[in-house]
Amino acid sequence: MDENGTLRLLSYYLNFFPKRRLPRPHSPIEQKVELKEKERKVTKVRAADCLKLKVEKSVSPGQLIVVKVIKTEECDINENQLKVKWTQPSGRISITNVEEDENGEYFTMEKCSRPGFCRLDVSAYGETLRQSPMNVEIVKEGLVKSFPVIDTRVTDIVVHDDCLLVSCERNKILKFKQSGEVNHIITMAPLPQGAKVNGMYKMKNGNIAFSDKGNKCIKVCKINGQIETIGQGLLKDPRGIYVNETSNVVYVADSVHHWYGTSGCVYMFSMCNTNGQAIKPIGQGILKDPVGIQVNETSNVVYVADSGSFVYMFDIGNGKIHQINPNSRVCDIALTDKGNLFVFGHTEIKLFNNEGKLIKEIKLETEYMQSPLAVVDEDDNIVVAGFQGYPNCLKIFSSNGNLLKTITFEDNYFFAAIPKALCIISYHPRKIAVGLQYNITKMGSSIKIIHY
C-alpha cells in the first residue's frame, strides 16, 4: 500500500470511531475533596463493623443504664455520627447523645422507670451496628425467691462464686445456689469441731474470714484449703469483723460482758502473723459492749458502735478519740463512700459527717426498729431492714438521708421473724438477700432474695 492509501485508511478509522476526550487533570483542591469523600465512604462501611456495644443485660427501675461503644480496630469515628435511640417499655422514644470520656471511649446513659424491656438502637453514619438492636430488661422490684434454712438460725450471708454462703453458729457454712438448691457444706475447707461461725467477711482474693464464737477467735478459710487462726487465747466474744486488704489488717470487735467487771475493745491483728498477738487494742477502758465496726481506709479512722448509747471515732494515725452521742441506744452503723456515717437506733436514724457533726435526723414516728441491719451499695444508697412488725420491708435511703423507696415482700410468718443477715448479691440489677430468723424454733430461718 502506498503512502496515500495509508492516509485514506487512517482517515476512515478516525471518522468511524467516536472521539474520546482525555480526562482533565484535577486541581489540588478537587483531589483533596475526592480523597476525603473516599475516606468517608470507607469509614462509613467500616464503622458498623468495627464497633461493639457493652451494656448490662438487666437493671432495676430508675437505675442508670450505661452503654459503652467500643472500637475493635482503628477507625476514625466521630461521636457526632453515633446515634442512640431508646424505646422504653411505655413506648416512649428518646434520643441520647454519645460522649467521649477521658480514655477516648464512647458512652451514653439513660434511665427507665417502668418494668419491661427497653430497646436500644445504635447506628454510625446511618448504618446500624451489628449488635443493634439490643434489649435491656428492667426487672420488677420485690421478692424473687424464698427458701427455708431448716433447723438453723441464720447469722450472716456473703456471696461467693455466684452462690450464697450462710453461717448459722455451727461448725459448717452452708452453700446455696440462688435458686435455693442447697449445695451441701462449703468445700473450701473442713471446719474444726466446736467452731461456731458467726459473722463473715468475703475478701477480694476469694478468702473468707469469720468470727468463731465457739473457739473464741478469727479464722480465715483460704481458697487453697488452708485455715488460719487469729487471736485465739486473747479474744473473749468476737463479733464485728472488718478486713483492710490493702494493709492486711483485721479489726475485731471483742464484746466482753461488762457487767462481769470487764469491758470490750477492738483489736487489730496482722494477717501475716498468726501467733495470736494483736498489733494494738483500740478503745480499751472506753468501750463497754462493741457490736459494730466500720473502717474508713482513706482517713484511717475506725468507727465503733457501742451497744450503750455512743459511737466512737478512733484515729489510728494520731490517736485522737471522738465520741458521737446520738442520744439513743445504738444498734448498728453504716459508712458511705463519702465518709458520712449512719447511726441506727430503735426509733430514729441519724446521719453524721466525717467529723462527727449531725447532718440529718430521721424520726420513725410510726415504726420501731427492733434489730436494724444496714448495708451500703455501690451507688452509696443505704438499704435498711429490721422494722418491728415489718420484717418483710426494706427501706432505701440516699447518702444524704433522703428516703428513696420502700420495698415490701410477702412472708407467711412475718409476724414472728427477725432479720439477722443482709447481703447485696448484685448491682445490675440491684438484688439483695435477707436472712430471717423465726422465733418459732422448729421453723428455723429462711432466705429471701429481693430486687430493690
Protein backbone atom coordinates (compact mmCIF):
# COMPACT_ATOMS: atom_id res chain seq x y z
CA MET A 1 0.00 0.00 0.00
CA ASP A 2 1.38 3.39 -0.99
CA GLU A 3 1.53 6.41 1.27
CA ASN A 4 -1.77 7.87 0.00
CA GLY A 5 -3.58 4.60 0.71
CA THR A 6 -2.30 4.57 4.28
CA LEU A 7 -3.55 8.12 4.87
CA ARG A 8 -7.01 7.29 3.45
CA LEU A 9 -7.28 4.22 5.73
CA LEU A 10 -6.28 6.26 8.80
CA SER A 11 -8.81 8.97 7.92
CA TYR A 12 -11.53 6.31 7.65
CA TYR A 13 -10.90 4.93 11.14
CA LEU A 14 -10.79 8.38 12.71
CA ASN A 15 -14.17 9.30 11.22
CA PHE A 16 -15.79 5.94 12.03
CA PHE A 17 -14.97 5.75 15.81
CA PRO A 18 -16.30 8.49 18.18
CA LYS A 19 -13.82 10.90 19.55
CA ARG A 20 -12.85 10.45 23.23
CA ARG A 21 -11.79 13.26 25.46
CA LEU A 22 -8.80 12.68 27.63
CA PRO A 23 -9.51 13.21 31.36
CA ARG A 24 -8.76 16.67 32.57
CA PRO A 25 -6.18 16.75 35.34
CA HIS A 26 -7.82 17.52 38.74
CA SER A 27 -6.82 20.62 40.58
CA PRO A 28 -5.23 20.16 44.07
CA ILE A 29 -8.48 21.25 45.78
CA GLU A 30 -10.56 18.76 43.76
CA GLN A 31 -8.10 15.99 44.52
CA LYS A 32 -8.34 16.74 48.29
CA VAL A 33 -12.17 16.74 48.26
CA GLU A 34 -12.23 13.47 46.31
CA LEU A 35 -9.80 11.85 48.80
CA LYS A 36 -11.93 12.92 51.79
CA GLU A 37 -15.05 11.55 50.13
CA LYS A 38 -13.33 8.21 49.57
CA GLU A 39 -12.15 8.14 53.22
CA ARG A 40 -15.66 8.98 54.44
CA LYS A 41 -17.15 6.14 52.41
CA VAL A 42 -14.55 3.69 53.71
CA THR A 43 -15.16 4.86 57.31
CA LYS A 44 -18.91 4.56 56.82
CA VAL A 45 -18.58 0.99 55.63
CA ARG A 46 -16.17 0.00 58.40
CA ALA A 47 -17.88 1.85 61.28
CA ALA A 48 -20.74 -0.61 61.69
CA ASP A 49 -18.25 -3.49 61.65
CA CYS A 50 -15.54 -2.14 63.92
CA LEU A 51 -17.80 -1.04 66.81
CA LYS A 52 -19.17 -3.17 69.64
CA LEU A 53 -21.74 -2.43 72.31
CA LYS A 54 -21.29 -3.16 76.02
CA VAL A 55 -24.35 -2.82 78.27
CA GLU A 56 -25.81 -4.61 81.29
CA LYS A 57 -28.43 -7.20 80.40
CA SER A 58 -30.77 -6.11 83.19
CA VAL A 59 -31.16 -3.21 85.62
CA SER A 60 -33.60 -2.04 88.28
CA PRO A 61 -36.31 0.61 87.67
CA GLY A 62 -34.74 4.07 87.80
CA GLN A 63 -31.20 2.66 87.68
CA LEU A 64 -28.84 4.32 85.23
CA ILE A 65 -28.21 2.28 82.06
CA VAL A 66 -24.69 2.94 80.75
CA VAL A 67 -23.97 1.93 77.15
CA LYS A 68 -20.35 1.81 76.00
CA VAL A 69 -19.45 1.90 72.30
CA ILE A 70 -16.10 0.16 71.93
CA LYS A 71 -13.82 0.37 68.87
CA THR A 72 -12.49 -3.07 67.93
CA GLU A 73 -10.00 -1.78 65.38
CA GLU A 74 -8.56 1.55 64.40
CA CYS A 75 -11.08 3.65 62.54
CA ASP A 76 -11.85 7.33 62.51
CA ILE A 77 -15.24 7.71 64.23
CA ASN A 78 -16.83 10.99 65.18
CA GLU A 79 -19.12 10.77 68.20
CA ASN A 80 -21.50 13.18 66.48
CA GLN A 81 -22.14 10.50 63.87
CA LEU A 82 -23.18 7.95 66.51
CA LYS A 83 -26.93 7.90 67.13
CA VAL A 84 -28.67 6.10 70.02
CA LYS A 85 -32.43 5.63 70.14
CA TRP A 86 -34.20 4.27 73.23
CA THR A 87 -37.65 2.70 73.09
CA GLN A 88 -38.86 2.38 76.67
CA PRO A 89 -41.41 -0.20 77.95
CA SER A 90 -44.02 2.56 77.93
CA GLY A 91 -43.41 3.11 74.21
CA ARG A 92 -41.78 6.48 74.71
CA ILE A 93 -38.85 7.10 72.36
CA SER A 94 -35.85 9.20 73.28
CA ILE A 95 -32.58 10.08 71.59
CA THR A 96 -29.39 10.49 73.61
CA ASN A 97 -26.06 11.97 72.62
CA VAL A 98 -22.88 9.91 72.63
CA GLU A 99 -19.99 11.41 74.57
CA GLU A 100 -16.30 10.65 74.71
CA ASP A 101 -14.69 10.01 78.11
CA GLU A 102 -11.14 10.78 79.20
CA ASN A 103 -9.95 7.39 77.95
CA GLY A 104 -11.23 8.02 74.43
CA GLU A 105 -14.17 5.62 74.80
CA TYR A 106 -17.71 6.50 73.76
CA PHE A 107 -20.69 6.15 76.09
CA THR A 108 -24.29 7.23 76.61
CA MET A 109 -26.74 6.90 79.51
CA GLU A 110 -30.47 6.66 80.14
CA LYS A 111 -32.99 5.59 82.80
CA CYS A 112 -36.18 3.54 82.58
CA SER A 113 -38.69 3.64 85.41
CA ARG A 114 -41.18 1.01 84.23
CA PRO A 115 -40.53 -2.79 84.31
CA GLY A 116 -40.28 -4.48 80.93
CA PHE A 117 -37.78 -4.37 78.08
CA CYS A 118 -36.05 -1.25 76.82
CA ARG A 119 -34.94 -1.45 73.17
CA LEU A 120 -31.63 0.10 72.19
CA ASP A 121 -30.88 1.05 68.56
CA VAL A 122 -27.37 2.31 67.75
CA SER A 123 -26.09 3.47 64.37
CA ALA A 124 -22.90 5.01 62.98
CA TYR A 125 -23.02 7.19 59.86
CA GLY A 126 -26.56 5.96 59.32
CA GLU A 127 -25.54 2.28 59.36
CA THR A 128 -26.93 0.00 62.12
CA LEU A 129 -24.32 -1.71 64.29
CA ARG A 130 -24.19 -5.49 64.12
CA GLN A 131 -25.33 -5.94 67.75
CA SER A 132 -28.16 -3.48 67.32
CA PRO A 133 -30.94 -3.58 68.32
CA MET A 134 -30.41 -4.78 71.89
CA ASN A 135 -32.92 -5.28 74.72
CA VAL A 136 -32.22 -4.35 78.34
CA GLU A 137 -34.57 -5.87 80.89
CA ILE A 138 -35.99 -3.57 83.56
CA VAL A 139 -36.75 -6.03 86.35
CA LYS A 140 -39.72 -5.71 88.68
CA GLU A 141 -38.97 -4.80 92.28
CA GLY A 142 -39.94 -7.20 95.04
CA LEU A 143 -39.47 -10.82 96.11
CA VAL A 144 -37.62 -13.03 93.62
CA LYS A 145 -37.05 -16.23 95.59
CA SER A 146 -37.67 -17.59 99.08
CA PHE A 147 -36.31 -20.81 100.54
CA PRO A 148 -36.05 -22.25 104.07
CA VAL A 149 -32.94 -23.00 106.10
CA ILE A 150 -34.26 -25.86 108.22
CA ASP A 151 -33.44 -26.17 111.94
CA THR A 152 -30.80 -23.46 111.89
CA ARG A 153 -30.61 -19.83 112.87
CA VAL A 154 -29.02 -17.68 110.18
CA THR A 155 -26.39 -15.23 111.45
CA ASP A 156 -24.74 -13.93 108.27
CA ILE A 157 -24.71 -14.18 104.45
CA VAL A 158 -21.97 -13.48 101.89
CA VAL A 159 -21.78 -14.05 98.13
CA HIS A 160 -19.13 -16.44 96.78
CA ASP A 161 -18.87 -17.72 93.18
CA ASP A 162 -22.48 -16.69 92.47
CA CYS A 163 -23.66 -18.75 95.47
CA LEU A 164 -24.77 -17.71 98.94
CA LEU A 165 -22.67 -18.74 101.93
CA VAL A 166 -24.80 -18.85 105.08
CA SER A 167 -23.46 -19.04 108.64
CA CYS A 168 -25.60 -20.36 111.49
CA GLU A 169 -23.31 -20.58 114.56
CA ARG A 170 -22.32 -24.16 113.76
CA ASN A 171 -19.09 -25.77 112.57
CA LYS A 172 -20.18 -25.54 108.96
CA ILE A 173 -21.05 -22.93 106.39
CA LEU A 174 -24.00 -23.75 104.17
CA LYS A 175 -23.64 -23.06 100.47
CA PHE A 176 -26.77 -22.31 98.45
CA LYS A 177 -27.36 -21.63 94.83
CA GLN A 178 -29.50 -18.55 94.29
CA SER A 179 -32.26 -20.87 93.11
CA GLY A 180 -32.44 -22.13 96.70
CA GLU A 181 -30.93 -25.54 95.98
CA VAL A 182 -28.61 -26.49 98.83
CA ASN A 183 -25.05 -27.19 97.76
CA HIS A 184 -24.11 -29.04 100.97
CA ILE A 185 -21.30 -27.81 103.19
CA ILE A 186 -18.76 -25.31 101.94
CA THR A 187 -15.98 -27.16 100.11
CA MET A 188 -13.22 -24.60 100.81
CA ALA A 189 -12.07 -26.42 103.96
CA PRO A 190 -13.44 -28.66 106.74
CA LEU A 191 -14.12 -26.64 109.87
CA PRO A 192 -12.90 -27.88 113.27
CA GLN A 193 -15.19 -29.34 115.90
CA GLY A 194 -16.52 -26.79 118.36
CA ALA A 195 -16.46 -23.99 115.82
CA LYS A 196 -19.45 -21.64 115.73
CA VAL A 197 -19.34 -19.49 112.62
CA ASN A 198 -20.90 -16.10 113.32
CA GLY A 199 -20.02 -13.01 111.25
CA MET A 200 -18.24 -13.43 107.90
CA TYR A 201 -16.15 -11.19 105.66
CA LYS A 202 -15.59 -12.03 101.98
CA MET A 203 -12.24 -10.81 100.68
CA LYS A 204 -11.43 -9.87 97.09
CA ASN A 205 -8.99 -12.77 96.72
CA GLY A 206 -11.78 -15.25 97.50
CA ASN A 207 -10.76 -15.98 101.09
CA ILE A 208 -13.42 -15.95 103.82
CA ALA A 209 -12.66 -14.53 107.28
CA PHE A 210 -15.16 -15.26 110.04
CA SER A 211 -15.57 -14.89 113.77
CA ASP A 212 -15.64 -18.23 115.61
CA LYS A 213 -17.70 -17.84 118.79
CA GLY A 214 -17.06 -21.44 119.80
CA ASN A 215 -13.26 -21.28 119.81
CA LYS A 216 -13.23 -17.52 120.52
CA CYS A 217 -11.04 -16.49 117.60
CA ILE A 218 -10.96 -15.36 113.98
CA LYS A 219 -10.46 -17.95 111.26
CA VAL A 220 -9.50 -17.38 107.63
CA CYS A 221 -10.52 -20.04 105.09
CA LYS A 222 -8.24 -19.78 102.07
CA ILE A 223 -9.15 -20.93 98.59
CA ASN A 224 -6.27 -23.44 98.71
CA GLY A 225 -7.99 -25.25 101.60
CA GLN A 226 -5.81 -23.93 104.43
CA ILE A 227 -7.31 -22.48 107.62
CA GLU A 228 -5.50 -19.84 109.64
CA THR A 229 -6.41 -18.92 113.21
CA ILE A 230 -6.04 -15.38 114.56
CA GLY A 231 -6.42 -14.11 118.11
CA GLN A 232 -7.11 -17.39 119.89
CA GLY A 233 -6.42 -17.07 123.62
CA LEU A 234 -6.92 -13.30 123.53
CA LEU A 235 -10.45 -12.79 122.19
CA LYS A 236 -13.40 -13.41 124.51
CA ASP A 237 -16.52 -12.87 122.35
CA PRO A 238 -15.59 -11.82 118.76
CA ARG A 239 -18.47 -10.21 116.89
CA GLY A 240 -17.93 -7.46 114.36
CA ILE A 241 -15.12 -8.03 111.85
CA TYR A 242 -13.53 -5.85 109.16
CA VAL A 243 -10.55 -6.63 106.91
CA ASN A 244 -8.34 -3.94 105.39
CA GLU A 245 -6.96 -5.93 102.47
CA THR A 246 -4.52 -3.21 101.48
CA SER A 247 -2.66 -3.27 104.80
CA ASN A 248 -3.57 -6.92 105.64
CA VAL A 249 -5.06 -5.88 108.98
CA VAL A 250 -8.10 -7.49 110.64
CA TYR A 251 -10.22 -5.38 113.00
CA VAL A 252 -12.27 -7.37 115.53
CA ALA A 253 -14.91 -6.04 117.90
CA ASP A 254 -14.49 -8.17 121.04
CA SER A 255 -17.68 -7.78 123.03
CA VAL A 256 -16.92 -8.82 126.61
CA HIS A 257 -19.86 -8.70 129.02
CA HIS A 258 -19.06 -5.58 131.04
CA TRP A 259 -21.46 -6.50 133.82
CA TYR A 260 -18.94 -9.18 134.84
CA GLY A 261 -16.44 -6.45 135.60
CA THR A 262 -14.64 -6.36 132.25
CA SER A 263 -15.04 -4.20 129.16
CA GLY A 264 -14.68 -4.88 125.46
CA CYS A 265 -12.43 -3.34 122.84
CA VAL A 266 -11.42 -3.55 119.20
CA TYR A 267 -8.27 -5.49 118.37
CA MET A 268 -6.06 -5.04 115.34
CA PHE A 269 -4.36 -8.20 114.04
CA SER A 270 -1.91 -8.65 111.19
CA MET A 271 -3.00 -11.35 108.74
CA CYS A 272 0.68 -12.09 108.13
CA ASN A 273 1.22 -13.03 111.78
CA THR A 274 -0.90 -15.81 113.27
CA ASN A 275 0.82 -16.10 116.69
CA GLY A 276 -2.26 -14.61 118.36
CA GLN A 277 -0.62 -11.33 119.30
CA ALA A 278 -2.57 -8.18 118.49
CA ILE A 279 -0.92 -5.20 116.84
CA LYS A 280 -2.76 -2.95 119.27
CA PRO A 281 -6.07 -2.71 121.15
CA ILE A 282 -8.44 0.17 120.41
CA GLY A 283 -10.82 1.66 122.96
CA GLN A 284 -9.66 -0.42 125.89
CA GLY A 285 -11.21 1.00 129.05
CA ILE A 286 -13.62 3.10 126.97
CA LEU A 287 -15.80 0.65 125.08
CA LYS A 288 -18.30 -1.44 127.01
CA ASP A 289 -20.02 -3.73 124.52
CA PRO A 290 -18.83 -3.05 120.92
CA VAL A 291 -21.10 -4.73 118.39
CA GLY A 292 -20.49 -2.96 115.07
CA ILE A 293 -17.35 -1.75 113.33
CA GLN A 294 -16.62 0.27 110.19
CA VAL A 295 -13.25 1.49 108.89
CA ASN A 296 -12.52 4.47 106.65
CA GLU A 297 -9.37 3.20 104.94
CA THR A 298 -8.63 6.58 103.36
CA SER A 299 -8.58 8.58 106.61
CA ASN A 300 -7.52 5.58 108.75
CA VAL A 301 -10.41 6.14 111.17
CA VAL A 302 -12.19 3.28 112.96
CA TYR A 303 -15.89 3.73 113.83
CA VAL A 304 -17.23 1.53 116.62
CA ALA A 305 -20.86 1.14 117.68
CA ASP A 306 -21.07 0.55 121.42
CA SER A 307 -24.33 -1.15 122.39
CA GLY A 308 -24.79 1.55 125.01
CA SER A 309 -25.56 4.98 123.59
CA PHE A 310 -22.34 6.03 121.86
CA VAL A 311 -20.37 5.71 118.64
CA TYR A 312 -16.63 6.25 118.87
CA MET A 313 -14.24 7.51 116.20
CA PHE A 314 -10.65 6.32 116.70
CA ASP A 315 -8.00 7.98 114.55
CA ILE A 316 -5.30 5.32 114.18
CA GLY A 317 -2.75 7.85 112.91
CA ASN A 318 -2.76 10.46 115.68
CA GLY A 319 -4.55 8.52 118.42
CA LYS A 320 -7.39 11.05 118.75
CA ILE A 321 -10.75 9.82 120.01
CA HIS A 322 -14.07 11.46 119.21
CA GLN A 323 -17.34 10.47 120.83
CA ILE A 324 -20.66 10.71 118.97
CA ASN A 325 -23.72 10.80 121.20
CA PRO A 326 -26.89 10.02 119.22
CA ASN A 327 -28.96 10.30 122.47
CA SER A 328 -30.46 6.87 121.85
CA ARG A 329 -29.44 3.24 122.01
CA VAL A 330 -27.08 2.37 119.14
CA CYS A 331 -27.95 -0.80 117.24
CA ASP A 332 -25.86 -0.59 114.06
CA ILE A 333 -23.76 1.77 111.92
CA ALA A 334 -23.06 2.11 108.19
CA LEU A 335 -20.34 4.12 106.44
CA THR A 336 -20.81 5.64 102.96
CA ASP A 337 -18.10 6.17 100.36
CA LYS A 338 -18.31 9.91 101.03
CA GLY A 339 -17.32 9.30 104.64
CA ASN A 340 -20.76 10.00 106.12
CA LEU A 341 -21.90 7.78 108.98
CA PHE A 342 -25.41 6.40 109.50
CA VAL A 343 -26.29 5.53 113.10
CA PHE A 344 -29.36 3.34 113.64
CA GLY A 345 -31.36 3.37 116.85
CA HIS A 346 -34.71 1.83 117.70
CA THR A 347 -36.81 4.89 116.83
CA GLU A 348 -34.56 7.06 114.67
CA ILE A 349 -31.79 7.15 112.09
CA LYS A 350 -29.11 9.83 112.32
CA LEU A 351 -26.58 10.90 109.71
CA PHE A 352 -23.19 12.37 110.72
CA ASN A 353 -20.37 13.76 108.60
CA ASN A 354 -16.77 12.53 108.79
CA GLU A 355 -16.11 14.93 111.67
CA GLY A 356 -18.95 13.56 113.76
CA LYS A 357 -21.31 16.50 113.24
CA LEU A 358 -25.02 15.79 112.88
CA ILE A 359 -26.29 16.32 109.33
CA LYS A 360 -29.77 14.88 109.45
CA GLU A 361 -32.16 13.11 111.80
CA ILE A 362 -34.90 10.78 110.59
CA LYS A 363 -37.65 10.13 113.14
CA LEU A 364 -39.56 6.86 112.85
CA GLU A 365 -42.86 8.05 114.31
CA THR A 366 -44.99 5.03 113.38
CA GLU A 367 -42.28 2.37 113.21
CA TYR A 368 -39.82 0.75 115.57
CA MET A 369 -36.54 -0.88 114.57
CA GLN A 370 -36.09 -3.92 116.76
CA SER A 371 -32.86 -5.21 115.21
CA PRO A 372 -31.85 -2.82 112.43
CA LEU A 373 -29.40 -4.03 109.79
CA ALA A 374 -27.90 -1.86 107.05
CA VAL A 375 -25.63 -2.21 104.02
CA VAL A 376 -24.26 0.35 101.56
CA ASP A 377 -24.43 -0.32 97.81
CA GLU A 378 -22.15 0.97 95.04
CA ASP A 379 -24.40 4.00 94.46
CA ASP A 380 -23.89 4.97 98.13
CA ASN A 381 -27.52 4.11 98.91
CA ILE A 382 -28.30 2.66 102.36
CA VAL A 383 -30.52 -0.44 102.50
CA VAL A 384 -32.13 -0.92 105.91
CA ALA A 385 -34.08 -3.87 107.36
CA GLY A 386 -35.35 -4.67 110.84
CA PHE A 387 -38.61 -2.80 111.37
CA GLN A 388 -40.66 -4.44 114.11
CA GLY A 389 -43.89 -5.85 112.71
CA TYR A 390 -42.48 -5.22 109.21
CA PRO A 391 -39.54 -7.62 108.73
CA ASN A 392 -40.85 -8.06 105.17
CA CYS A 393 -39.93 -4.45 104.46
CA LEU A 394 -36.76 -2.78 103.17
CA LYS A 395 -36.18 0.96 103.20
CA ILE A 396 -33.64 2.54 100.86
CA PHE A 397 -32.08 5.89 101.75
CA SER A 398 -29.76 8.09 99.71
CA SER A 399 -26.33 9.02 101.08
CA ASN A 400 -27.74 12.34 102.31
CA GLY A 401 -30.51 10.65 104.28
CA ASN A 402 -33.50 11.03 101.96
CA LEU A 403 -35.92 8.10 101.79
CA LEU A 404 -35.87 6.85 98.20
CA LYS A 405 -38.26 3.90 98.31
CA THR A 406 -39.82 1.17 100.43
CA ILE A 407 -39.82 -2.42 99.16
CA THR A 408 -42.19 -4.96 100.69
CA PHE A 409 -42.25 -8.70 100.16
CA GLU A 410 -44.60 -11.45 101.24
CA ASP A 411 -43.88 -13.82 104.10
CA ASN A 412 -46.42 -16.13 105.71
CA TYR A 413 -44.70 -15.89 109.09
CA PHE A 414 -43.56 -12.29 109.07
CA PHE A 415 -45.07 -11.61 112.49
CA ALA A 416 -42.54 -13.97 114.13
CA ALA A 417 -39.42 -13.14 112.09
CA ILE A 418 -36.35 -11.04 112.86
CA PRO A 419 -33.88 -10.01 110.12
CA LYS A 420 -30.43 -11.29 111.09
CA ALA A 421 -28.43 -11.02 107.87
CA LEU A 422 -28.32 -8.63 104.93
CA CYS A 423 -26.11 -9.07 101.85
CA ILE A 424 -26.06 -7.37 98.44
CA ILE A 425 -25.95 -10.02 95.70
CA SER A 426 -25.65 -7.87 92.57
CA TYR A 427 -25.85 -4.27 91.38
CA HIS A 428 -27.22 -4.86 87.87
CA PRO A 429 -29.96 -5.39 88.71
CA ARG A 430 -29.95 -4.37 92.36
CA LYS A 431 -30.52 -7.61 94.27
CA ILE A 432 -30.19 -8.34 97.97
CA ALA A 433 -30.51 -11.36 100.28
CA VAL A 434 -32.25 -11.10 103.65
CA GLY A 435 -31.82 -13.78 106.30
CA LEU A 436 -34.89 -14.02 108.53
CA GLN A 437 -34.72 -15.83 111.84
CA TYR A 438 -38.03 -17.08 113.20
CA ASN A 439 -38.91 -17.03 116.88
CA ILE A 440 -40.66 -20.37 116.46
CA THR A 441 -37.70 -22.76 116.92
CA LYS A 442 -38.94 -25.58 114.68
CA MET A 443 -39.22 -23.22 111.73
CA GLY A 444 -35.56 -22.22 111.82
CA SER A 445 -34.79 -19.49 109.26
CA SER A 446 -35.36 -18.51 105.67
CA ILE A 447 -33.55 -16.61 102.92
CA LYS A 448 -35.36 -14.01 100.84
CA ILE A 449 -33.85 -12.78 97.56
CA ILE A 450 -35.27 -9.39 96.61
CA HIS A 451 -34.93 -6.92 93.74
CA TYR A 452 -34.82 -3.39 95.11
